[in-house]
Amino acid sequence: MKIGSKPLPLVLLGIRSAFKEEISSTASEMVYGETLRLPGEMLKISTPVRITDPASLLHRHRAIFHRLQPVPASKHCKLHVFVFQDLRDCDYVFLRDDKISKALVNTPYTGPWKVLKHTEKIFKFSIRGKAVTVSIDRLKPAYVLDDDVYATSVDDSNLDTTSAVSCASQLSSSINNRTNRHVHFDI
């Protein structure tokens, strides 16, 4: 016979609070020095409300259930996606690769890819000549240099190439690493 675990505390409470005639007290009075308050004694007994009209009882119950409101559920798994601020204005983006791979074998991002068109949450860009549409949460802005800006910022006419080559040859002949090997830099 299997004894359920729920009625066991109530049974034990009844044993401790049962009056024993041979000792003229309860077991809890012997241990604690006072009587235990039983669950039935914790509730105040009030006079019962007599409802004679069943229709008023029905209206009262309907009013009570009408006032019941569900408790808003908490969303513990709500994810907050980080979005770069510069993503709205960038011309090139990196695409996060979500494939599972061994660590440090593949880079997590591919690109940079040229942005063709974008909305608030979706970007359309070109990958190897194909137009691809991707959600904003997989993108990262790419900061690339314009070739035109780089070419115009350096003025080739003012450079003295012979002095630069001679300095490089002096540096390369005098630089040794820890194992006394000569280090040469291509300039």
Protein backbone atom coordinates (compact mmCIF):
# COMPACT_ATOMS: atom_id res chain seq x y z
CA MET A 1 0.00 0.00 0.00
CA LYS A 2 1.44 3.33 -1.05
CA ILE A 3 1.05 6.33 1.23
CA GLY A 4 0.69 9.66 -0.52
CA SER A 5 3.10 12.43 0.44
CA LYS A 6 0.52 15.23 0.59
CA PRO A 7 -1.61 14.04 3.56
CA LEU A 8 1.46 13.02 5.61
CA PRO A 9 2.21 16.49 7.15
CA LEU A 10 -1.43 16.88 8.17
CA VAL A 11 -1.37 13.44 9.80
CA LEU A 12 1.81 14.30 11.69
CA LEU A 13 0.32 17.62 12.75
CA GLY A 14 -2.73 15.76 14.04
CA ILE A 15 -0.55 13.36 16.04
CA ARG A 16 1.38 16.22 17.65
CA SER A 17 -1.76 18.13 18.52
CA ALA A 18 -3.87 15.20 19.75
CA PHE A 19 -4.71 15.34 23.45
CA LYS A 20 -3.29 12.41 25.42
CA GLU A 21 -5.16 11.57 28.63
CA GLU A 22 -2.29 9.71 30.31
CA ILE A 23 -0.06 12.84 30.26
CA SER A 24 -2.94 15.33 30.41
CA SER A 25 -1.58 17.37 27.45
CA THR A 26 -0.59 17.15 23.79
CA ALA A 27 2.85 16.16 22.48
CA SER A 28 3.42 19.69 21.18
CA GLU A 29 2.69 21.16 24.63
CA MET A 30 5.38 18.90 26.09
CA VAL A 31 7.94 19.90 23.43
CA TYR A 32 7.15 23.57 22.76
CA GLY A 33 5.41 24.54 25.98
CA GLU A 34 2.25 25.72 24.23
CA THR A 35 -0.40 24.35 21.94
CA LEU A 36 -0.09 24.35 18.17
CA ARG A 37 -2.50 26.40 16.12
CA LEU A 38 -4.18 24.09 13.66
CA PRO A 39 -5.06 25.17 10.08
CA GLY A 40 -8.78 25.18 10.87
CA GLU A 41 -8.18 27.52 13.79
CA MET A 42 -6.33 30.06 11.65
CA LEU A 43 -9.46 30.96 9.75
CA LYS A 44 -12.02 33.21 11.31
CA ILE A 45 -15.44 31.67 11.33
CA SER A 46 -17.93 34.14 9.99
CA THR A 47 -21.64 33.95 9.77
CA PRO A 48 -22.66 32.47 6.43
CA VAL A 49 -24.25 34.82 3.93
CA ARG A 50 -27.65 33.56 3.02
CA ILE A 51 -28.69 34.19 -0.52
CA THR A 52 -32.24 33.27 -1.08
CA ASP A 53 -32.51 34.39 -4.68
CA PRO A 54 -30.52 32.18 -7.12
CA ALA A 55 -30.69 34.90 -9.80
CA SER A 56 -28.80 37.36 -7.58
CA LEU A 57 -26.18 34.67 -6.92
CA LEU A 58 -25.79 34.18 -10.66
CA HIS A 59 -25.43 37.94 -11.28
CA ARG A 60 -22.89 38.21 -8.46
CA HIS A 61 -20.80 35.37 -9.88
CA ARG A 62 -20.94 36.86 -13.38
CA ALA A 63 -19.77 40.23 -12.02
CA ILE A 64 -16.86 38.58 -10.20
CA PHE A 65 -15.75 36.67 -13.31
CA HIS A 66 -16.20 39.75 -15.48
CA ARG A 67 -13.72 41.64 -13.27
CA LEU A 68 -11.09 38.92 -13.56
CA GLN A 69 -8.15 39.99 -15.73
CA PRO A 70 -5.32 37.75 -16.95
CA VAL A 71 -1.89 38.48 -15.55
CA PRO A 72 0.51 39.63 -18.29
CA ALA A 73 3.02 36.91 -19.04
CA SER A 74 6.68 37.72 -18.75
CA LYS A 75 8.89 37.15 -21.76
CA HIS A 76 12.15 35.78 -20.45
CA CYS A 77 13.48 34.84 -23.87
CA LYS A 78 12.97 38.20 -25.56
CA LEU A 79 16.15 38.84 -27.53
CA HIS A 80 17.55 42.29 -28.03
CA VAL A 81 19.43 42.46 -31.33
CA PHE A 82 22.37 44.85 -31.54
CA VAL A 83 22.30 46.98 -34.70
CA PHE A 84 25.18 49.24 -35.71
CA GLN A 85 24.27 52.94 -35.98
CA ASP A 86 26.41 53.37 -39.13
CA LEU A 87 24.54 50.62 -40.94
CA ARG A 88 21.97 53.10 -42.31
CA ASP A 89 24.61 55.14 -44.15
CA CYS A 90 27.18 52.55 -45.22
CA ASP A 91 27.89 51.56 -48.82
CA TYR A 92 29.51 48.21 -48.00
CA VAL A 93 28.56 45.56 -45.43
CA PHE A 94 29.94 42.35 -43.94
CA LEU A 95 27.56 39.37 -43.79
CA ARG A 96 27.63 37.10 -40.72
CA ASP A 97 27.98 33.45 -41.67
CA ASP A 98 25.74 31.38 -39.36
CA LYS A 99 27.14 28.00 -40.34
CA ILE A 100 28.48 25.82 -37.53
CA SER A 101 32.19 25.33 -38.04
CA LYS A 102 35.33 24.63 -36.06
CA ALA A 103 36.72 27.58 -34.17
CA LEU A 104 39.23 29.81 -35.98
CA VAL A 105 38.93 27.84 -39.23
CA ASN A 106 36.44 30.13 -40.96
CA THR A 107 35.90 33.82 -40.37
CA PRO A 108 32.50 34.70 -38.91
CA TYR A 109 31.87 37.41 -41.54
CA THR A 110 32.16 37.41 -45.34
CA GLY A 111 32.54 40.44 -47.51
CA PRO A 112 32.66 43.41 -47.84
CA TRP A 113 29.67 43.45 -50.20
CA LYS A 114 28.27 46.45 -52.09
CA VAL A 115 24.83 47.60 -50.84
CA LEU A 116 22.31 47.98 -53.66
CA LYS A 117 19.25 49.03 -51.66
CA HIS A 118 18.09 48.94 -48.05
CA THR A 119 15.01 49.54 -45.93
CA GLU A 120 14.73 49.87 -42.18
CA LYS A 121 15.21 46.14 -41.50
CA ILE A 122 16.23 44.55 -44.81
CA PHE A 123 19.32 45.08 -46.96
CA LYS A 124 19.74 44.08 -50.58
CA PHE A 125 23.33 43.74 -51.78
CA SER A 126 25.34 42.00 -54.45
CA ILE A 127 27.31 38.80 -53.74
CA ARG A 128 29.32 37.56 -56.73
CA GLY A 129 26.89 39.24 -59.12
CA LYS A 130 23.71 37.91 -57.47
CA ALA A 131 21.30 40.17 -55.58
CA VAL A 132 20.79 38.85 -52.03
CA THR A 133 18.26 40.09 -49.46
CA VAL A 134 19.28 39.76 -45.80
CA SER A 135 17.88 40.88 -42.45
CA ILE A 136 19.69 43.70 -40.64
CA ASP A 137 20.65 41.55 -37.63
CA ARG A 138 23.22 39.58 -39.69
CA LEU A 139 25.02 42.65 -41.02
CA LYS A 140 27.94 44.75 -39.91
CA PRO A 141 29.10 47.96 -41.62
CA ALA A 142 32.31 47.74 -43.64
CA TYR A 143 34.60 50.76 -43.66
CA VAL A 144 36.52 50.71 -46.95
CA LEU A 145 38.77 53.32 -48.51
CA ASP A 146 37.79 54.85 -51.82
CA ASP A 147 40.51 54.27 -54.43
CA ASP A 148 39.95 57.75 -55.89
CA VAL A 149 40.44 59.48 -52.54
CA TYR A 150 43.59 57.51 -51.80
CA ALA A 151 45.09 58.22 -55.23
CA THR A 152 44.46 61.98 -55.08
CA SER A 153 45.69 62.40 -51.52
CA VAL A 154 49.28 61.41 -52.39
CA ASP A 155 51.16 63.78 -54.69
CA ASP A 156 53.74 61.74 -56.65
CA SER A 157 55.63 64.75 -58.01
CA ASN A 158 56.98 65.86 -54.62
CA LEU A 159 58.39 62.48 -53.56
CA ASP A 160 62.10 61.87 -53.71
CA THR A 161 62.31 58.15 -54.42
CA THR A 162 66.11 57.91 -54.33
CA SER A 163 66.32 59.10 -50.73
CA ALA A 164 63.55 56.72 -49.68
CA VAL A 165 65.35 53.75 -51.27
CA SER A 166 68.68 54.66 -49.69
CA CYS A 167 67.06 54.99 -46.23
CA ALA A 168 65.36 51.63 -46.66
CA SER A 169 68.61 49.95 -47.64
CA GLN A 170 70.35 51.42 -44.60
CA LEU A 171 67.57 50.23 -42.30
CA SER A 172 67.42 46.74 -43.77
CA SER A 173 71.17 46.23 -43.41
CA SER A 174 71.21 47.36 -39.76
CA ILE A 175 68.14 45.50 -38.44
CA ASN A 176 68.69 42.10 -36.88
CA ASN A 177 66.19 40.03 -34.98
CA ARG A 178 66.85 38.01 -31.79
CA THR A 179 68.47 35.13 -33.66
CA ASN A 180 70.83 37.53 -35.54
CA ARG A 181 69.07 37.07 -38.84
CA HIS A 182 68.77 40.06 -41.15
CA VAL A 183 65.25 41.35 -41.75
CA HIS A 184 64.52 42.87 -45.18
CA PHE A 185 61.47 44.99 -45.95
CA ASP A 186 60.20 45.48 -49.49
CA ILE A 187 59.53 49.17 -50.00
